[in-house]
Amino acid sequence: RFCAAPVQWSRKVVADGHVKAVIL
């Protein structure tokens, strides 16, 4: 329940089924 900021961001990114790049 305390998911990190990048998780919150990436959930929105992946929601449409498209990802061009991942920065880690």
PDBML (XML) file of the C-alpha atoms, coordinates in Angstrom:
<?xml version="1.0" encoding="UTF-8" ?>
<PDBx:datablock datablockName="MODEL"
   xmlns:PDBx="http://pdbml.pdb.org/schema/pdbx-v50.xsd"
   xmlns:xsi="http://www.w3.org/2001/XMLSchema-instance"
   xsi:schemaLocation="http://pdbml.pdb.org/schema/pdbx-v50.xsd pdbx-v50.xsd">
   <PDBx:atom_siteCategory>
      <PDBx:atom_site id="1">
         <PDBx:B_iso_or_equiv>0.00</PDBx:B_iso_or_equiv>
         <PDBx:Cartn_x>0.000</PDBx:Cartn_x>
         <PDBx:Cartn_y>0.000</PDBx:Cartn_y>
         <PDBx:Cartn_z>0.000</PDBx:Cartn_z>
         <PDBx:auth_asym_id>A</PDBx:auth_asym_id>
         <PDBx:auth_atom_id>CA</PDBx:auth_atom_id>
         <PDBx:auth_comp_id>ARG</PDBx:auth_comp_id>
         <PDBx:auth_seq_id>1</PDBx:auth_seq_id>
         <PDBx:group_PDB>ATOM</PDBx:group_PDB>
         <PDBx:label_alt_id xsi:nil="true" />
         <PDBx:label_asym_id>A</PDBx:label_asym_id>
         <PDBx:label_atom_id>CA</PDBx:label_atom_id>
         <PDBx:label_comp_id>ARG</PDBx:label_comp_id>
         <PDBx:label_entity_id>1</PDBx:label_entity_id>
         <PDBx:label_seq_id>1</PDBx:label_seq_id>
         <PDBx:occupancy>1.00</PDBx:occupancy>
         <PDBx:pdbx_PDB_model_num>1</PDBx:pdbx_PDB_model_num>
         <PDBx:type_symbol>C</PDBx:type_symbol>
      </PDBx:atom_site>
      <PDBx:atom_site id="2">
         <PDBx:B_iso_or_equiv>0.00</PDBx:B_iso_or_equiv>
         <PDBx:Cartn_x>3.046</PDBx:Cartn_x>
         <PDBx:Cartn_y>2.275</PDBx:Cartn_y>
         <PDBx:Cartn_z>0.269</PDBx:Cartn_z>
         <PDBx:auth_asym_id>A</PDBx:auth_asym_id>
         <PDBx:auth_atom_id>CA</PDBx:auth_atom_id>
         <PDBx:auth_comp_id>PHE</PDBx:auth_comp_id>
         <PDBx:auth_seq_id>2</PDBx:auth_seq_id>
         <PDBx:group_PDB>ATOM</PDBx:group_PDB>
         <PDBx:label_alt_id xsi:nil="true" />
         <PDBx:label_asym_id>A</PDBx:label_asym_id>
         <PDBx:label_atom_id>CA</PDBx:label_atom_id>
         <PDBx:label_comp_id>PHE</PDBx:label_comp_id>
         <PDBx:label_entity_id>1</PDBx:label_entity_id>
         <PDBx:label_seq_id>2</PDBx:label_seq_id>
         <PDBx:occupancy>1.00</PDBx:occupancy>
         <PDBx:pdbx_PDB_model_num>1</PDBx:pdbx_PDB_model_num>
         <PDBx:type_symbol>C</PDBx:type_symbol>
      </PDBx:atom_site>
      <PDBx:atom_site id="3">
         <PDBx:B_iso_or_equiv>0.00</PDBx:B_iso_or_equiv>
         <PDBx:Cartn_x>3.966</PDBx:Cartn_x>
         <PDBx:Cartn_y>1.729</PDBx:Cartn_y>
         <PDBx:Cartn_z>-3.374</PDBx:Cartn_z>
         <PDBx:auth_asym_id>A</PDBx:auth_asym_id>
         <PDBx:auth_atom_id>CA</PDBx:auth_atom_id>
         <PDBx:auth_comp_id>CYS</PDBx:auth_comp_id>
         <PDBx:auth_seq_id>3</PDBx:auth_seq_id>
         <PDBx:group_PDB>ATOM</PDBx:group_PDB>
         <PDBx:label_alt_id xsi:nil="true" />
         <PDBx:label_asym_id>A</PDBx:label_asym_id>
         <PDBx:label_atom_id>CA</PDBx:label_atom_id>
         <PDBx:label_comp_id>CYS</PDBx:label_comp_id>
         <PDBx:label_entity_id>1</PDBx:label_entity_id>
         <PDBx:label_seq_id>3</PDBx:label_seq_id>
         <PDBx:occupancy>1.00</PDBx:occupancy>
         <PDBx:pdbx_PDB_model_num>1</PDBx:pdbx_PDB_model_num>
         <PDBx:type_symbol>C</PDBx:type_symbol>
      </PDBx:atom_site>
      <PDBx:atom_site id="4">
         <PDBx:B_iso_or_equiv>0.00</PDBx:B_iso_or_equiv>
         <PDBx:Cartn_x>6.807</PDBx:Cartn_x>
         <PDBx:Cartn_y>3.912</PDBx:Cartn_y>
         <PDBx:Cartn_z>-4.585</PDBx:Cartn_z>
         <PDBx:auth_asym_id>A</PDBx:auth_asym_id>
         <PDBx:auth_atom_id>CA</PDBx:auth_atom_id>
         <PDBx:auth_comp_id>ALA</PDBx:auth_comp_id>
         <PDBx:auth_seq_id>4</PDBx:auth_seq_id>
         <PDBx:group_PDB>ATOM</PDBx:group_PDB>
         <PDBx:label_alt_id xsi:nil="true" />
         <PDBx:label_asym_id>A</PDBx:label_asym_id>
         <PDBx:label_atom_id>CA</PDBx:label_atom_id>
         <PDBx:label_comp_id>ALA</PDBx:label_comp_id>
         <PDBx:label_entity_id>1</PDBx:label_entity_id>
         <PDBx:label_seq_id>4</PDBx:label_seq_id>
         <PDBx:occupancy>1.00</PDBx:occupancy>
         <PDBx:pdbx_PDB_model_num>1</PDBx:pdbx_PDB_model_num>
         <PDBx:type_symbol>C</PDBx:type_symbol>
      </PDBx:atom_site>
      <PDBx:atom_site id="5">
         <PDBx:B_iso_or_equiv>0.00</PDBx:B_iso_or_equiv>
         <PDBx:Cartn_x>6.544</PDBx:Cartn_x>
         <PDBx:Cartn_y>6.915</PDBx:Cartn_y>
         <PDBx:Cartn_z>-6.896</PDBx:Cartn_z>
         <PDBx:auth_asym_id>A</PDBx:auth_asym_id>
         <PDBx:auth_atom_id>CA</PDBx:auth_atom_id>
         <PDBx:auth_comp_id>ALA</PDBx:auth_comp_id>
         <PDBx:auth_seq_id>5</PDBx:auth_seq_id>
         <PDBx:group_PDB>ATOM</PDBx:group_PDB>
         <PDBx:label_alt_id xsi:nil="true" />
         <PDBx:label_asym_id>A</PDBx:label_asym_id>
         <PDBx:label_atom_id>CA</PDBx:label_atom_id>
         <PDBx:label_comp_id>ALA</PDBx:label_comp_id>
         <PDBx:label_entity_id>1</PDBx:label_entity_id>
         <PDBx:label_seq_id>5</PDBx:label_seq_id>
         <PDBx:occupancy>1.00</PDBx:occupancy>
         <PDBx:pdbx_PDB_model_num>1</PDBx:pdbx_PDB_model_num>
         <PDBx:type_symbol>C</PDBx:type_symbol>
      </PDBx:atom_site>
      <PDBx:atom_site id="6">
         <PDBx:B_iso_or_equiv>0.00</PDBx:B_iso_or_equiv>
         <PDBx:Cartn_x>7.992</PDBx:Cartn_x>
         <PDBx:Cartn_y>5.066</PDBx:Cartn_y>
         <PDBx:Cartn_z>-9.909</PDBx:Cartn_z>
         <PDBx:auth_asym_id>A</PDBx:auth_asym_id>
         <PDBx:auth_atom_id>CA</PDBx:auth_atom_id>
         <PDBx:auth_comp_id>PRO</PDBx:auth_comp_id>
         <PDBx:auth_seq_id>6</PDBx:auth_seq_id>
         <PDBx:group_PDB>ATOM</PDBx:group_PDB>
         <PDBx:label_alt_id xsi:nil="true" />
         <PDBx:label_asym_id>A</PDBx:label_asym_id>
         <PDBx:label_atom_id>CA</PDBx:label_atom_id>
         <PDBx:label_comp_id>PRO</PDBx:label_comp_id>
         <PDBx:label_entity_id>1</PDBx:label_entity_id>
         <PDBx:label_seq_id>6</PDBx:label_seq_id>
         <PDBx:occupancy>1.00</PDBx:occupancy>
         <PDBx:pdbx_PDB_model_num>1</PDBx:pdbx_PDB_model_num>
         <PDBx:type_symbol>C</PDBx:type_symbol>
      </PDBx:atom_site>
      <PDBx:atom_site id="7">
         <PDBx:B_iso_or_equiv>0.00</PDBx:B_iso_or_equiv>
         <PDBx:Cartn_x>5.391</PDBx:Cartn_x>
         <PDBx:Cartn_y>2.319</PDBx:Cartn_y>
         <PDBx:Cartn_z>-9.442</PDBx:Cartn_z>
         <PDBx:auth_asym_id>A</PDBx:auth_asym_id>
         <PDBx:auth_atom_id>CA</PDBx:auth_atom_id>
         <PDBx:auth_comp_id>VAL</PDBx:auth_comp_id>
         <PDBx:auth_seq_id>7</PDBx:auth_seq_id>
         <PDBx:group_PDB>ATOM</PDBx:group_PDB>
         <PDBx:label_alt_id xsi:nil="true" />
         <PDBx:label_asym_id>A</PDBx:label_asym_id>
         <PDBx:label_atom_id>CA</PDBx:label_atom_id>
         <PDBx:label_comp_id>VAL</PDBx:label_comp_id>
         <PDBx:label_entity_id>1</PDBx:label_entity_id>
         <PDBx:label_seq_id>7</PDBx:label_seq_id>
         <PDBx:occupancy>1.00</PDBx:occupancy>
         <PDBx:pdbx_PDB_model_num>1</PDBx:pdbx_PDB_model_num>
         <PDBx:type_symbol>C</PDBx:type_symbol>
      </PDBx:atom_site>
      <PDBx:atom_site id="8">
         <PDBx:B_iso_or_equiv>0.00</PDBx:B_iso_or_equiv>
         <PDBx:Cartn_x>2.611</PDBx:Cartn_x>
         <PDBx:Cartn_y>4.895</PDBx:Cartn_y>
         <PDBx:Cartn_z>-9.400</PDBx:Cartn_z>
         <PDBx:auth_asym_id>A</PDBx:auth_asym_id>
         <PDBx:auth_atom_id>CA</PDBx:auth_atom_id>
         <PDBx:auth_comp_id>GLN</PDBx:auth_comp_id>
         <PDBx:auth_seq_id>8</PDBx:auth_seq_id>
         <PDBx:group_PDB>ATOM</PDBx:group_PDB>
         <PDBx:label_alt_id xsi:nil="true" />
         <PDBx:label_asym_id>A</PDBx:label_asym_id>
         <PDBx:label_atom_id>CA</PDBx:label_atom_id>
         <PDBx:label_comp_id>GLN</PDBx:label_comp_id>
         <PDBx:label_entity_id>1</PDBx:label_entity_id>
         <PDBx:label_seq_id>8</PDBx:label_seq_id>
         <PDBx:occupancy>1.00</PDBx:occupancy>
         <PDBx:pdbx_PDB_model_num>1</PDBx:pdbx_PDB_model_num>
         <PDBx:type_symbol>C</PDBx:type_symbol>
      </PDBx:atom_site>
      <PDBx:atom_site id="9">
         <PDBx:B_iso_or_equiv>0.00</PDBx:B_iso_or_equiv>
         <PDBx:Cartn_x>4.011</PDBx:Cartn_x>
         <PDBx:Cartn_y>6.468</PDBx:Cartn_y>
         <PDBx:Cartn_z>-12.569</PDBx:Cartn_z>
         <PDBx:auth_asym_id>A</PDBx:auth_asym_id>
         <PDBx:auth_atom_id>CA</PDBx:auth_atom_id>
         <PDBx:auth_comp_id>TRP</PDBx:auth_comp_id>
         <PDBx:auth_seq_id>9</PDBx:auth_seq_id>
         <PDBx:group_PDB>ATOM</PDBx:group_PDB>
         <PDBx:label_alt_id xsi:nil="true" />
         <PDBx:label_asym_id>A</PDBx:label_asym_id>
         <PDBx:label_atom_id>CA</PDBx:label_atom_id>
         <PDBx:label_comp_id>TRP</PDBx:label_comp_id>
         <PDBx:label_entity_id>1</PDBx:label_entity_id>
         <PDBx:label_seq_id>9</PDBx:label_seq_id>
         <PDBx:occupancy>1.00</PDBx:occupancy>
         <PDBx:pdbx_PDB_model_num>1</PDBx:pdbx_PDB_model_num>
         <PDBx:type_symbol>C</PDBx:type_symbol>
      </PDBx:atom_site>
      <PDBx:atom_site id="10">
         <PDBx:B_iso_or_equiv>0.00</PDBx:B_iso_or_equiv>
         <PDBx:Cartn_x>4.629</PDBx:Cartn_x>
         <PDBx:Cartn_y>3.198</PDBx:Cartn_y>
         <PDBx:Cartn_z>-14.414</PDBx:Cartn_z>
         <PDBx:auth_asym_id>A</PDBx:auth_asym_id>
         <PDBx:auth_atom_id>CA</PDBx:auth_atom_id>
         <PDBx:auth_comp_id>SER</PDBx:auth_comp_id>
         <PDBx:auth_seq_id>10</PDBx:auth_seq_id>
         <PDBx:group_PDB>ATOM</PDBx:group_PDB>
         <PDBx:label_alt_id xsi:nil="true" />
         <PDBx:label_asym_id>A</PDBx:label_asym_id>
         <PDBx:label_atom_id>CA</PDBx:label_atom_id>
         <PDBx:label_comp_id>SER</PDBx:label_comp_id>
         <PDBx:label_entity_id>1</PDBx:label_entity_id>
         <PDBx:label_seq_id>10</PDBx:label_seq_id>
         <PDBx:occupancy>1.00</PDBx:occupancy>
         <PDBx:pdbx_PDB_model_num>1</PDBx:pdbx_PDB_model_num>
         <PDBx:type_symbol>C</PDBx:type_symbol>
      </PDBx:atom_site>
      <PDBx:atom_site id="11">
         <PDBx:B_iso_or_equiv>0.00</PDBx:B_iso_or_equiv>
         <PDBx:Cartn_x>1.163</PDBx:Cartn_x>
         <PDBx:Cartn_y>1.828</PDBx:Cartn_y>
         <PDBx:Cartn_z>-13.643</PDBx:Cartn_z>
         <PDBx:auth_asym_id>A</PDBx:auth_asym_id>
         <PDBx:auth_atom_id>CA</PDBx:auth_atom_id>
         <PDBx:auth_comp_id>ARG</PDBx:auth_comp_id>
         <PDBx:auth_seq_id>11</PDBx:auth_seq_id>
         <PDBx:group_PDB>ATOM</PDBx:group_PDB>
         <PDBx:label_alt_id xsi:nil="true" />
         <PDBx:label_asym_id>A</PDBx:label_asym_id>
         <PDBx:label_atom_id>CA</PDBx:label_atom_id>
         <PDBx:label_comp_id>ARG</PDBx:label_comp_id>
         <PDBx:label_entity_id>1</PDBx:label_entity_id>
         <PDBx:label_seq_id>11</PDBx:label_seq_id>
         <PDBx:occupancy>1.00</PDBx:occupancy>
         <PDBx:pdbx_PDB_model_num>1</PDBx:pdbx_PDB_model_num>
         <PDBx:type_symbol>C</PDBx:type_symbol>
      </PDBx:atom_site>
      <PDBx:atom_site id="12">
         <PDBx:B_iso_or_equiv>0.00</PDBx:B_iso_or_equiv>
         <PDBx:Cartn_x>-0.279</PDBx:Cartn_x>
         <PDBx:Cartn_y>4.726</PDBx:Cartn_y>
         <PDBx:Cartn_z>-15.616</PDBx:Cartn_z>
         <PDBx:auth_asym_id>A</PDBx:auth_asym_id>
         <PDBx:auth_atom_id>CA</PDBx:auth_atom_id>
         <PDBx:auth_comp_id>LYS</PDBx:auth_comp_id>
         <PDBx:auth_seq_id>12</PDBx:auth_seq_id>
         <PDBx:group_PDB>ATOM</PDBx:group_PDB>
         <PDBx:label_alt_id xsi:nil="true" />
         <PDBx:label_asym_id>A</PDBx:label_asym_id>
         <PDBx:label_atom_id>CA</PDBx:label_atom_id>
         <PDBx:label_comp_id>LYS</PDBx:label_comp_id>
         <PDBx:label_entity_id>1</PDBx:label_entity_id>
         <PDBx:label_seq_id>12</PDBx:label_seq_id>
         <PDBx:occupancy>1.00</PDBx:occupancy>
         <PDBx:pdbx_PDB_model_num>1</PDBx:pdbx_PDB_model_num>
         <PDBx:type_symbol>C</PDBx:type_symbol>
      </PDBx:atom_site>
      <PDBx:atom_site id="13">
         <PDBx:B_iso_or_equiv>0.00</PDBx:B_iso_or_equiv>
         <PDBx:Cartn_x>2.236</PDBx:Cartn_x>
         <PDBx:Cartn_y>4.243</PDBx:Cartn_y>
         <PDBx:Cartn_z>-18.426</PDBx:Cartn_z>
         <PDBx:auth_asym_id>A</PDBx:auth_asym_id>
         <PDBx:auth_atom_id>CA</PDBx:auth_atom_id>
         <PDBx:auth_comp_id>VAL</PDBx:auth_comp_id>
         <PDBx:auth_seq_id>13</PDBx:auth_seq_id>
         <PDBx:group_PDB>ATOM</PDBx:group_PDB>
         <PDBx:label_alt_id xsi:nil="true" />
         <PDBx:label_asym_id>A</PDBx:label_asym_id>
         <PDBx:label_atom_id>CA</PDBx:label_atom_id>
         <PDBx:label_comp_id>VAL</PDBx:label_comp_id>
         <PDBx:label_entity_id>1</PDBx:label_entity_id>
         <PDBx:label_seq_id>13</PDBx:label_seq_id>
         <PDBx:occupancy>1.00</PDBx:occupancy>
         <PDBx:pdbx_PDB_model_num>1</PDBx:pdbx_PDB_model_num>
         <PDBx:type_symbol>C</PDBx:type_symbol>
      </PDBx:atom_site>
      <PDBx:atom_site id="14">
         <PDBx:B_iso_or_equiv>0.00</PDBx:B_iso_or_equiv>
         <PDBx:Cartn_x>1.523</PDBx:Cartn_x>
         <PDBx:Cartn_y>0.537</PDBx:Cartn_y>
         <PDBx:Cartn_z>-18.903</PDBx:Cartn_z>
         <PDBx:auth_asym_id>A</PDBx:auth_asym_id>
         <PDBx:auth_atom_id>CA</PDBx:auth_atom_id>
         <PDBx:auth_comp_id>VAL</PDBx:auth_comp_id>
         <PDBx:auth_seq_id>14</PDBx:auth_seq_id>
         <PDBx:group_PDB>ATOM</PDBx:group_PDB>
         <PDBx:label_alt_id xsi:nil="true" />
         <PDBx:label_asym_id>A</PDBx:label_asym_id>
         <PDBx:label_atom_id>CA</PDBx:label_atom_id>
         <PDBx:label_comp_id>VAL</PDBx:label_comp_id>
         <PDBx:label_entity_id>1</PDBx:label_entity_id>
         <PDBx:label_seq_id>14</PDBx:label_seq_id>
         <PDBx:occupancy>1.00</PDBx:occupancy>
         <PDBx:pdbx_PDB_model_num>1</PDBx:pdbx_PDB_model_num>
         <PDBx:type_symbol>C</PDBx:type_symbol>
      </PDBx:atom_site>
      <PDBx:atom_site id="15">
         <PDBx:B_iso_or_equiv>0.00</PDBx:B_iso_or_equiv>
         <PDBx:Cartn_x>-2.264</PDBx:Cartn_x>
         <PDBx:Cartn_y>0.913</PDBx:Cartn_y>
         <PDBx:Cartn_z>-18.642</PDBx:Cartn_z>
         <PDBx:auth_asym_id>A</PDBx:auth_asym_id>
         <PDBx:auth_atom_id>CA</PDBx:auth_atom_id>
         <PDBx:auth_comp_id>ALA</PDBx:auth_comp_id>
         <PDBx:auth_seq_id>15</PDBx:auth_seq_id>
         <PDBx:group_PDB>ATOM</PDBx:group_PDB>
         <PDBx:label_alt_id xsi:nil="true" />
         <PDBx:label_asym_id>A</PDBx:label_asym_id>
         <PDBx:label_atom_id>CA</PDBx:label_atom_id>
         <PDBx:label_comp_id>ALA</PDBx:label_comp_id>
         <PDBx:label_entity_id>1</PDBx:label_entity_id>
         <PDBx:label_seq_id>15</PDBx:label_seq_id>
         <PDBx:occupancy>1.00</PDBx:occupancy>
         <PDBx:pdbx_PDB_model_num>1</PDBx:pdbx_PDB_model_num>
         <PDBx:type_symbol>C</PDBx:type_symbol>
      </PDBx:atom_site>
      <PDBx:atom_site id="16">
         <PDBx:B_iso_or_equiv>0.00</PDBx:B_iso_or_equiv>
         <PDBx:Cartn_x>-2.656</PDBx:Cartn_x>
         <PDBx:Cartn_y>1.331</PDBx:Cartn_y>
         <PDBx:Cartn_z>-22.409</PDBx:Cartn_z>
         <PDBx:auth_asym_id>A</PDBx:auth_asym_id>
         <PDBx:auth_atom_id>CA</PDBx:auth_atom_id>
         <PDBx:auth_comp_id>ASP</PDBx:auth_comp_id>
         <PDBx:auth_seq_id>16</PDBx:auth_seq_id>
         <PDBx:group_PDB>ATOM</PDBx:group_PDB>
         <PDBx:label_alt_id xsi:nil="true" />
         <PDBx:label_asym_id>A</PDBx:label_asym_id>
         <PDBx:label_atom_id>CA</PDBx:label_atom_id>
         <PDBx:label_comp_id>ASP</PDBx:label_comp_id>
         <PDBx:label_entity_id>1</PDBx:label_entity_id>
         <PDBx:label_seq_id>16</PDBx:label_seq_id>
         <PDBx:occupancy>1.00</PDBx:occupancy>
         <PDBx:pdbx_PDB_model_num>1</PDBx:pdbx_PDB_model_num>
         <PDBx:type_symbol>C</PDBx:type_symbol>
      </PDBx:atom_site>
      <PDBx:atom_site id="17">
         <PDBx:B_iso_or_equiv>0.00</PDBx:B_iso_or_equiv>
         <PDBx:Cartn_x>-0.421</PDBx:Cartn_x>
         <PDBx:Cartn_y>-1.654</PDBx:Cartn_y>
         <PDBx:Cartn_z>-23.212</PDBx:Cartn_z>
         <PDBx:auth_asym_id>A</PDBx:auth_asym_id>
         <PDBx:auth_atom_id>CA</PDBx:auth_atom_id>
         <PDBx:auth_comp_id>GLY</PDBx:auth_comp_id>
         <PDBx:auth_seq_id>17</PDBx:auth_seq_id>
         <PDBx:group_PDB>ATOM</PDBx:group_PDB>
         <PDBx:label_alt_id xsi:nil="true" />
         <PDBx:label_asym_id>A</PDBx:label_asym_id>
         <PDBx:label_atom_id>CA</PDBx:label_atom_id>
         <PDBx:label_comp_id>GLY</PDBx:label_comp_id>
         <PDBx:label_entity_id>1</PDBx:label_entity_id>
         <PDBx:label_seq_id>17</PDBx:label_seq_id>
         <PDBx:occupancy>1.00</PDBx:occupancy>
         <PDBx:pdbx_PDB_model_num>1</PDBx:pdbx_PDB_model_num>
         <PDBx:type_symbol>C</PDBx:type_symbol>
      </PDBx:atom_site>
      <PDBx:atom_site id="18">
         <PDBx:B_iso_or_equiv>0.00</PDBx:B_iso_or_equiv>
         <PDBx:Cartn_x>2.405</PDBx:Cartn_x>
         <PDBx:Cartn_y>0.357</PDBx:Cartn_y>
         <PDBx:Cartn_z>-24.770</PDBx:Cartn_z>
         <PDBx:auth_asym_id>A</PDBx:auth_asym_id>
         <PDBx:auth_atom_id>CA</PDBx:auth_atom_id>
         <PDBx:auth_comp_id>HIS</PDBx:auth_comp_id>
         <PDBx:auth_seq_id>18</PDBx:auth_seq_id>
         <PDBx:group_PDB>ATOM</PDBx:group_PDB>
         <PDBx:label_alt_id xsi:nil="true" />
         <PDBx:label_asym_id>A</PDBx:label_asym_id>
         <PDBx:label_atom_id>CA</PDBx:label_atom_id>
         <PDBx:label_comp_id>HIS</PDBx:label_comp_id>
         <PDBx:label_entity_id>1</PDBx:label_entity_id>
         <PDBx:label_seq_id>18</PDBx:label_seq_id>
         <PDBx:occupancy>1.00</PDBx:occupancy>
         <PDBx:pdbx_PDB_model_num>1</PDBx:pdbx_PDB_model_num>
         <PDBx:type_symbol>C</PDBx:type_symbol>
      </PDBx:atom_site>
      <PDBx:atom_site id="19">
         <PDBx:B_iso_or_equiv>0.00</PDBx:B_iso_or_equiv>
         <PDBx:Cartn_x>5.932</PDBx:Cartn_x>
         <PDBx:Cartn_y>1.049</PDBx:Cartn_y>
         <PDBx:Cartn_z>-23.482</PDBx:Cartn_z>
         <PDBx:auth_asym_id>A</PDBx:auth_asym_id>
         <PDBx:auth_atom_id>CA</PDBx:auth_atom_id>
         <PDBx:auth_comp_id>VAL</PDBx:auth_comp_id>
         <PDBx:auth_seq_id>19</PDBx:auth_seq_id>
         <PDBx:group_PDB>ATOM</PDBx:group_PDB>
         <PDBx:label_alt_id xsi:nil="true" />
         <PDBx:label_asym_id>A</PDBx:label_asym_id>
         <PDBx:label_atom_id>CA</PDBx:label_atom_id>
         <PDBx:label_comp_id>VAL</PDBx:label_comp_id>
         <PDBx:label_entity_id>1</PDBx:label_entity_id>
         <PDBx:label_seq_id>19</PDBx:label_seq_id>
         <PDBx:occupancy>1.00</PDBx:occupancy>
         <PDBx:pdbx_PDB_model_num>1</PDBx:pdbx_PDB_model_num>
         <PDBx:type_symbol>C</PDBx:type_symbol>
      </PDBx:atom_site>
      <PDBx:atom_site id="20">
         <PDBx:B_iso_or_equiv>0.00</PDBx:B_iso_or_equiv>
         <PDBx:Cartn_x>8.762</PDBx:Cartn_x>
         <PDBx:Cartn_y>2.488</PDBx:Cartn_y>
         <PDBx:Cartn_z>-25.563</PDBx:Cartn_z>
         <PDBx:auth_asym_id>A</PDBx:auth_asym_id>
         <PDBx:auth_atom_id>CA</PDBx:auth_atom_id>
         <PDBx:auth_comp_id>LYS</PDBx:auth_comp_id>
         <PDBx:auth_seq_id>20</PDBx:auth_seq_id>
         <PDBx:group_PDB>ATOM</PDBx:group_PDB>
         <PDBx:label_alt_id xsi:nil="true" />
         <PDBx:label_asym_id>A</PDBx:label_asym_id>
         <PDBx:label_atom_id>CA</PDBx:label_atom_id>
         <PDBx:label_comp_id>LYS</PDBx:label_comp_id>
         <PDBx:label_entity_id>1</PDBx:label_entity_id>
         <PDBx:label_seq_id>20</PDBx:label_seq_id>
         <PDBx:occupancy>1.00</PDBx:occupancy>
         <PDBx:pdbx_PDB_model_num>1</PDBx:pdbx_PDB_model_num>
         <PDBx:type_symbol>C</PDBx:type_symbol>
      </PDBx:atom_site>
      <PDBx:atom_site id="21">
         <PDBx:B_iso_or_equiv>0.00</PDBx:B_iso_or_equiv>
         <PDBx:Cartn_x>11.471</PDBx:Cartn_x>
         <PDBx:Cartn_y>2.481</PDBx:Cartn_y>
         <PDBx:Cartn_z>-22.913</PDBx:Cartn_z>
         <PDBx:auth_asym_id>A</PDBx:auth_asym_id>
         <PDBx:auth_atom_id>CA</PDBx:auth_atom_id>
         <PDBx:auth_comp_id>ALA</PDBx:auth_comp_id>
         <PDBx:auth_seq_id>21</PDBx:auth_seq_id>
         <PDBx:group_PDB>ATOM</PDBx:group_PDB>
         <PDBx:label_alt_id xsi:nil="true" />
         <PDBx:label_asym_id>A</PDBx:label_asym_id>
         <PDBx:label_atom_id>CA</PDBx:label_atom_id>
         <PDBx:label_comp_id>ALA</PDBx:label_comp_id>
         <PDBx:label_entity_id>1</PDBx:label_entity_id>
         <PDBx:label_seq_id>21</PDBx:label_seq_id>
         <PDBx:occupancy>1.00</PDBx:occupancy>
         <PDBx:pdbx_PDB_model_num>1</PDBx:pdbx_PDB_model_num>
         <PDBx:type_symbol>C</PDBx:type_symbol>
      </PDBx:atom_site>
      <PDBx:atom_site id="22">
         <PDBx:B_iso_or_equiv>0.00</PDBx:B_iso_or_equiv>
         <PDBx:Cartn_x>12.258</PDBx:Cartn_x>
         <PDBx:Cartn_y>1.676</PDBx:Cartn_y>
         <PDBx:Cartn_z>-19.291</PDBx:Cartn_z>
         <PDBx:auth_asym_id>A</PDBx:auth_asym_id>
         <PDBx:auth_atom_id>CA</PDBx:auth_atom_id>
         <PDBx:auth_comp_id>VAL</PDBx:auth_comp_id>
         <PDBx:auth_seq_id>22</PDBx:auth_seq_id>
         <PDBx:group_PDB>ATOM</PDBx:group_PDB>
         <PDBx:label_alt_id xsi:nil="true" />
         <PDBx:label_asym_id>A</PDBx:label_asym_id>
         <PDBx:label_atom_id>CA</PDBx:label_atom_id>
         <PDBx:label_comp_id>VAL</PDBx:label_comp_id>
         <PDBx:label_entity_id>1</PDBx:label_entity_id>
         <PDBx:label_seq_id>22</PDBx:label_seq_id>
         <PDBx:occupancy>1.00</PDBx:occupancy>
         <PDBx:pdbx_PDB_model_num>1</PDBx:pdbx_PDB_model_num>
         <PDBx:type_symbol>C</PDBx:type_symbol>
      </PDBx:atom_site>
      <PDBx:atom_site id="23">
         <PDBx:B_iso_or_equiv>0.00</PDBx:B_iso_or_equiv>
         <PDBx:Cartn_x>14.664</PDBx:Cartn_x>
         <PDBx:Cartn_y>3.704</PDBx:Cartn_y>
         <PDBx:Cartn_z>-17.178</PDBx:Cartn_z>
         <PDBx:auth_asym_id>A</PDBx:auth_asym_id>
         <PDBx:auth_atom_id>CA</PDBx:auth_atom_id>
         <PDBx:auth_comp_id>ILE</PDBx:auth_comp_id>
         <PDBx:auth_seq_id>23</PDBx:auth_seq_id>
         <PDBx:group_PDB>ATOM</PDBx:group_PDB>
         <PDBx:label_alt_id xsi:nil="true" />
         <PDBx:label_asym_id>A</PDBx:label_asym_id>
         <PDBx:label_atom_id>CA</PDBx:label_atom_id>
         <PDBx:label_comp_id>ILE</PDBx:label_comp_id>
         <PDBx:label_entity_id>1</PDBx:label_entity_id>
         <PDBx:label_seq_id>23</PDBx:label_seq_id>
         <PDBx:occupancy>1.00</PDBx:occupancy>
         <PDBx:pdbx_PDB_model_num>1</PDBx:pdbx_PDB_model_num>
         <PDBx:type_symbol>C</PDBx:type_symbol>
      </PDBx:atom_site>
      <PDBx:atom_site id="24">
         <PDBx:B_iso_or_equiv>0.00</PDBx:B_iso_or_equiv>
         <PDBx:Cartn_x>15.864</PDBx:Cartn_x>
         <PDBx:Cartn_y>2.017</PDBx:Cartn_y>
         <PDBx:Cartn_z>-13.982</PDBx:Cartn_z>
         <PDBx:auth_asym_id>A</PDBx:auth_asym_id>
         <PDBx:auth_atom_id>CA</PDBx:auth_atom_id>
         <PDBx:auth_comp_id>LEU</PDBx:auth_comp_id>
         <PDBx:auth_seq_id>24</PDBx:auth_seq_id>
         <PDBx:group_PDB>ATOM</PDBx:group_PDB>
         <PDBx:label_alt_id xsi:nil="true" />
         <PDBx:label_asym_id>A</PDBx:label_asym_id>
         <PDBx:label_atom_id>CA</PDBx:label_atom_id>
         <PDBx:label_comp_id>LEU</PDBx:label_comp_id>
         <PDBx:label_entity_id>1</PDBx:label_entity_id>
         <PDBx:label_seq_id>24</PDBx:label_seq_id>
         <PDBx:occupancy>1.00</PDBx:occupancy>
         <PDBx:pdbx_PDB_model_num>1</PDBx:pdbx_PDB_model_num>
         <PDBx:type_symbol>C</PDBx:type_symbol>
      </PDBx:atom_site>
   </PDBx:atom_siteCategory>
</PDBx:datablock>
